[in-house]
Protein backbone atom coordinates (compact mmCIF):
# COMPACT_ATOMS: atom_id res chain seq x y z
CA MET A 1 -112.18 -21.03 31.27
CA ALA A 2 -108.99 -19.52 32.69
CA ASP A 3 -106.95 -21.71 30.38
CA HIS A 4 -109.05 -20.57 27.40
CA ILE A 5 -108.61 -16.88 28.26
CA THR A 6 -104.88 -17.36 28.72
CA GLU A 7 -104.63 -18.94 25.26
CA GLU A 8 -106.54 -16.06 23.68
CA GLU A 9 -104.32 -13.56 25.44
CA GLN A 10 -101.26 -15.36 24.11
CA ILE A 11 -102.62 -15.20 20.57
CA GLU A 12 -103.40 -11.49 20.93
CA ALA A 13 -99.90 -10.86 22.29
CA LEU A 14 -98.41 -12.72 19.34
CA LYS A 15 -100.48 -10.63 16.93
CA ARG A 16 -99.34 -7.43 18.55
CA TRP A 17 -95.66 -8.56 18.40
CA TRP A 18 -96.08 -9.46 14.72
CA ASP A 19 -97.58 -6.06 13.93
CA ASP A 20 -94.68 -4.36 15.68
CA ASN A 21 -91.79 -6.59 14.63
CA GLY A 22 -92.86 -8.97 11.88
CA LYS A 23 -91.86 -6.83 8.90
CA GLN A 24 -88.45 -6.03 10.39
CA THR A 25 -87.87 -9.72 11.10
CA ILE A 26 -88.68 -10.73 7.54
CA LEU A 27 -86.46 -7.95 6.20
CA ALA A 28 -83.59 -9.07 8.40
CA ILE A 29 -83.97 -12.65 7.21
CA VAL A 30 -84.11 -11.56 3.57
CA LEU A 31 -81.01 -9.39 3.95
CA THR A 32 -79.14 -12.14 5.75
CA LEU A 33 -79.99 -14.73 3.12
CA GLY A 34 -79.31 -12.23 0.34
CA GLY A 35 -75.92 -11.41 1.76
CA TYR A 36 -75.04 -15.06 2.14
CA PHE A 37 -76.03 -16.03 -1.38
CA GLY A 38 -74.54 -12.80 -2.76
CA TRP A 39 -71.20 -13.61 -1.12
CA GLN A 40 -71.32 -17.14 -2.48
CA ALA A 41 -72.03 -15.81 -5.97
CA TRP A 42 -69.14 -13.33 -5.69
CA THR A 43 -66.63 -15.94 -4.49
CA GLN A 44 -67.76 -18.28 -7.25
CA HIS A 45 -67.25 -15.47 -9.78
CA VAL A 46 -63.75 -14.77 -8.41
CA ASP A 47 -62.86 -18.47 -8.60
CA GLU A 48 -64.14 -18.69 -12.18
CA GLN A 49 -62.14 -15.60 -13.19
CA ALA A 50 -58.98 -17.01 -11.59
CA ALA A 51 -59.47 -20.31 -13.40
CA ALA A 52 -59.98 -18.53 -16.71
CA ALA A 53 -56.85 -16.41 -16.19
CA SER A 54 -54.88 -19.51 -15.27
CA LEU A 55 -55.84 -21.22 -18.53
CA VAL A 56 -54.77 -18.21 -20.60
CA TYR A 57 -51.46 -17.94 -18.78
CA GLN A 58 -50.82 -21.68 -19.17
CA GLU A 59 -51.39 -21.29 -22.89
CA MET A 60 -48.72 -18.59 -22.91
CA LEU A 61 -46.30 -20.86 -21.07
CA ASP A 62 -46.98 -23.71 -23.49
CA ILE A 63 -46.08 -21.46 -26.43
CA MET A 64 -42.93 -20.23 -24.69
CA ALA A 65 -41.91 -23.84 -23.99
CA GLU A 66 -41.76 -24.57 -27.73
CA THR A 67 -38.31 -22.93 -27.96
CA GLN A 68 -35.00 -24.29 -26.77
CA PRO A 69 -32.81 -22.33 -24.34
CA GLY A 70 -31.06 -19.53 -26.20
CA GLU A 71 -33.51 -19.56 -29.10
CA ILE A 72 -35.81 -16.66 -29.96
CA LEU A 73 -39.50 -17.39 -30.28
CA ALA A 74 -40.83 -17.30 -33.86
CA GLU A 75 -42.67 -14.11 -34.86
CA ASP A 76 -46.07 -15.79 -35.20
CA LYS A 77 -45.66 -17.35 -31.77
CA GLN A 78 -44.63 -14.00 -30.31
CA ALA A 79 -47.80 -12.51 -31.75
CA ASP A 80 -49.84 -15.24 -30.04
CA VAL A 81 -48.10 -14.57 -26.71
CA ALA A 82 -48.68 -10.82 -27.05
CA ARG A 83 -52.37 -11.38 -27.79
CA LEU A 84 -52.81 -13.62 -24.76
CA ALA A 85 -50.88 -11.20 -22.56
CA GLU A 86 -53.07 -8.29 -23.61
CA SER A 87 -56.13 -10.38 -22.85
CA LEU A 88 -54.88 -11.00 -19.32
CA LYS A 89 -53.97 -7.34 -18.80
CA LEU A 90 -57.39 -6.16 -19.98
CA GLU A 91 -59.65 -8.78 -18.41
CA HIS A 92 -57.65 -9.82 -15.34
CA SER A 93 -55.49 -6.78 -14.61
CA GLY A 94 -55.44 -7.38 -10.86
CA SER A 95 -54.23 -10.95 -11.11
CA GLN A 96 -50.76 -12.39 -10.70
CA TYR A 97 -51.15 -13.93 -14.15
CA ALA A 98 -51.45 -10.50 -15.79
CA PHE A 99 -48.37 -9.30 -13.94
CA TYR A 100 -46.22 -12.19 -15.13
CA ALA A 101 -47.68 -11.92 -18.62
CA ALA A 102 -46.33 -8.35 -18.77
CA LEU A 103 -42.92 -9.62 -17.64
CA ILE A 104 -42.94 -12.21 -20.43
CA ASN A 105 -43.86 -9.55 -22.98
CA ALA A 106 -40.99 -7.40 -21.70
CA LYS A 107 -38.57 -10.33 -22.01
CA LEU A 108 -39.56 -10.94 -25.63
CA ALA A 109 -39.26 -7.23 -26.41
CA VAL A 110 -35.73 -7.14 -24.97
CA GLU A 111 -34.75 -10.18 -27.05
CA ASN A 112 -35.96 -8.33 -30.14
CA GLY A 113 -34.11 -5.14 -29.21
CA GLN A 114 -37.38 -3.29 -28.62
CA LEU A 115 -36.33 -1.58 -25.41
CA ASP A 116 -39.05 1.08 -25.45
CA ALA A 117 -41.71 -1.62 -25.70
CA ALA A 118 -40.02 -3.55 -22.90
CA ALA A 119 -40.02 -0.45 -20.69
CA SER A 120 -43.73 0.09 -21.37
CA GLU A 121 -44.55 -3.48 -20.29
CA LEU A 122 -42.43 -3.19 -17.15
CA GLU A 123 -44.01 0.13 -16.22
CA TRP A 124 -47.42 -1.53 -16.47
CA ALA A 125 -46.18 -4.40 -14.31
CA LEU A 126 -44.81 -1.95 -11.73
CA ASP A 127 -48.09 -0.02 -11.63
CA ASN A 128 -50.12 -3.23 -11.24
CA ALA A 129 -47.85 -5.19 -8.90
CA GLY A 130 -49.81 -7.05 -6.27
CA SER A 131 -47.06 -7.11 -3.65
CA ASP A 132 -43.85 -5.34 -2.65
CA LEU A 133 -41.82 -8.24 -4.02
CA ASP A 134 -43.54 -8.07 -7.41
CA GLY A 135 -42.97 -4.32 -7.48
CA ASN A 136 -39.28 -4.75 -6.70
CA ILE A 137 -38.89 -7.35 -9.46
CA ALA A 138 -40.52 -5.08 -12.04
CA ARG A 139 -38.58 -2.00 -10.84
CA LEU A 140 -35.21 -3.76 -11.07
CA ARG A 141 -35.89 -5.04 -14.59
CA LEU A 142 -37.09 -1.61 -15.63
CA ALA A 143 -33.90 -0.07 -14.26
CA ARG A 144 -31.80 -2.48 -16.34
CA VAL A 145 -33.82 -1.57 -19.44
CA ASP A 146 -33.21 2.12 -18.63
CA ALA A 147 -29.48 1.42 -18.44
CA ALA A 148 -29.59 -0.50 -21.74
CA ARG A 149 -31.24 2.57 -23.32
CA GLY A 150 -28.40 4.73 -22.00
CA ASN A 151 -30.44 6.33 -19.21
CA LEU A 152 -27.98 5.53 -16.45
CA GLU A 153 -29.10 8.31 -14.14
CA ALA A 154 -32.70 7.11 -14.39
CA ALA A 155 -31.55 3.54 -13.78
CA LEU A 156 -29.67 4.54 -10.62
CA GLN A 157 -32.61 6.57 -9.33
CA ARG A 158 -34.88 3.56 -9.64
CA VAL A 159 -32.67 1.35 -7.44
CA GLN A 160 -31.92 3.90 -4.74
CA GLY A 161 -34.00 4.85 -1.73
CA VAL A 162 -36.27 1.82 -2.08
CA ASP A 163 -37.15 -0.80 0.53
CA VAL A 164 -36.09 -3.84 -1.49
CA GLY A 165 -36.38 -6.46 1.25
CA GLU A 166 -34.99 -9.82 0.20
CA MET A 167 -33.72 -8.39 -3.12
CA LYS A 168 -31.05 -6.25 -1.46
CA SER A 169 -28.18 -8.16 -3.07
CA ALA A 170 -29.71 -8.05 -6.56
CA TYR A 171 -30.28 -4.30 -6.28
CA ALA A 172 -26.72 -3.71 -5.02
CA GLU A 173 -25.30 -5.69 -7.95
CA ALA A 174 -27.39 -3.63 -10.38
CA LYS A 175 -26.03 -0.43 -8.80
CA GLY A 176 -22.53 -1.77 -9.33
CA ASP A 177 -23.26 -2.49 -12.98
CA PHE A 178 -24.68 1.00 -13.53
CA TYR A 179 -21.76 2.70 -11.79
CA LEU A 180 -19.34 0.64 -13.87
CA GLN A 181 -21.10 1.76 -17.04
CA GLN A 182 -20.60 5.34 -15.85
CA GLY A 183 -16.89 4.66 -15.29
CA ASN A 184 -17.20 5.10 -11.51
CA THR A 185 -15.22 2.02 -10.50
CA ALA A 186 -14.90 3.04 -6.84
CA ALA A 187 -18.67 3.20 -6.41
CA ALA A 188 -19.05 -0.01 -8.41
CA TYR A 189 -16.58 -1.77 -6.10
CA THR A 190 -18.50 -0.70 -3.00
CA ALA A 191 -21.81 -1.81 -4.51
CA TYR A 192 -20.45 -5.21 -5.56
CA GLU A 193 -18.97 -5.75 -2.10
CA SER A 194 -22.37 -5.00 -0.58
CA ALA A 195 -24.04 -7.40 -3.01
CA LEU A 196 -21.58 -10.18 -2.16
CA MET A 197 -22.31 -9.84 1.56
CA GLY A 198 -25.97 -10.55 0.84
CA VAL A 199 -25.41 -13.75 -1.14
CA ALA A 200 -25.87 -17.06 0.68
CA PRO A 201 -22.65 -19.13 1.05
CA GLN A 202 -24.22 -22.04 -0.84
CA ASP A 203 -25.01 -19.86 -3.87
CA SER A 204 -21.64 -20.51 -5.44
CA SER A 205 -22.50 -19.31 -8.95
CA SER A 206 -23.70 -15.88 -7.78
CA ARG A 207 -20.72 -15.50 -5.49
CA ALA A 208 -18.29 -16.43 -8.27
CA LEU A 209 -19.84 -13.88 -10.64
CA LEU A 210 -19.71 -11.11 -8.05
CA GLN A 211 -16.13 -11.93 -7.12
CA LEU A 212 -15.22 -11.69 -10.82
CA LYS A 213 -16.90 -8.27 -11.03
CA ILE A 214 -15.11 -7.15 -7.87
CA SER A 215 -11.74 -8.19 -9.27
CA GLN A 216 -12.36 -5.97 -12.31
CA VAL A 217 -12.96 -2.83 -10.25
CA GLN A 218 -10.85 -3.51 -7.16
CA PRO A 219 -8.68 -0.49 -6.30
CA VAL A 220 -5.01 -0.93 -7.18
CA VAL A 221 -2.71 -0.51 -4.19
CA SER A 222 0.39 1.54 -5.03
CA SER A 223 3.88 0.28 -4.23
CA ASP A 224 4.36 3.06 -1.64
CA ALA A 225 1.17 2.07 0.09
CA GLU A 226 2.22 -1.58 0.05
CA GLU A 227 5.62 -0.69 1.57
CA THR A 228 3.98 1.41 4.28
CA GLU A 229 1.58 -1.41 5.08
CA THR A 230 4.46 -3.91 5.24
CA GLN A 231 6.46 -1.67 7.59
CA SER A 232 3.41 -1.24 9.80
CA ASP A 233 2.95 -4.99 9.98
CA GLU A 234 6.64 -5.49 10.87
CA GLN A 235 6.42 -2.90 13.65
CA GLU A 236 3.35 -4.61 15.06
CA ASP A 237 5.15 -7.96 14.97
CA ALA A 238 8.22 -6.45 16.68
CA GLY A 239 6.00 -4.88 19.35
């Protein structure tokens, strides 16, 4: 009889617990399962979007690959690239594919002499860059387009006062080019020297180009200065 009463008491206790906590327990389970399956659905959606963007971008690359180095893409092919790029920018604006699609559009615009269009593409790329490196790439190219349009002051402003990280040498070289276009050879020399210091020893082609630029703007030492320097060296040797 004691066992029977104990069992009934256990059932009554379970009923009371269910009345107090059952609904909350079910709700918690539903929310947990909903969150899990919702997250899975979201990640699947993201993966599908990335795959779709990748296919569009690959189609762009395939069209670009139809030309030989130094050739300009045919007008109908350029139209196809522009259409695909706009699709990426509209439907996948936060993706790396859209960013590089804008860079490709800018490159084609430059090749066609459409500098305003190139600047527009690069400004979009700069506004939608997904990392500091991407932003620095877009900013540097935009500065060079500014310089090509004759906006040298704007070009210099873009490459100054910016944390450029690993692109320090490329930015310094661009400064040198802009200063040279302004006729400021002293500032160009300093910028090229800074750029050269940031180039790896094994990068012989970049070093050779910078050394050529430096030789074009290197200050000329007057004969009086050379004589003074020689006398100073002789005095040091005699001492």
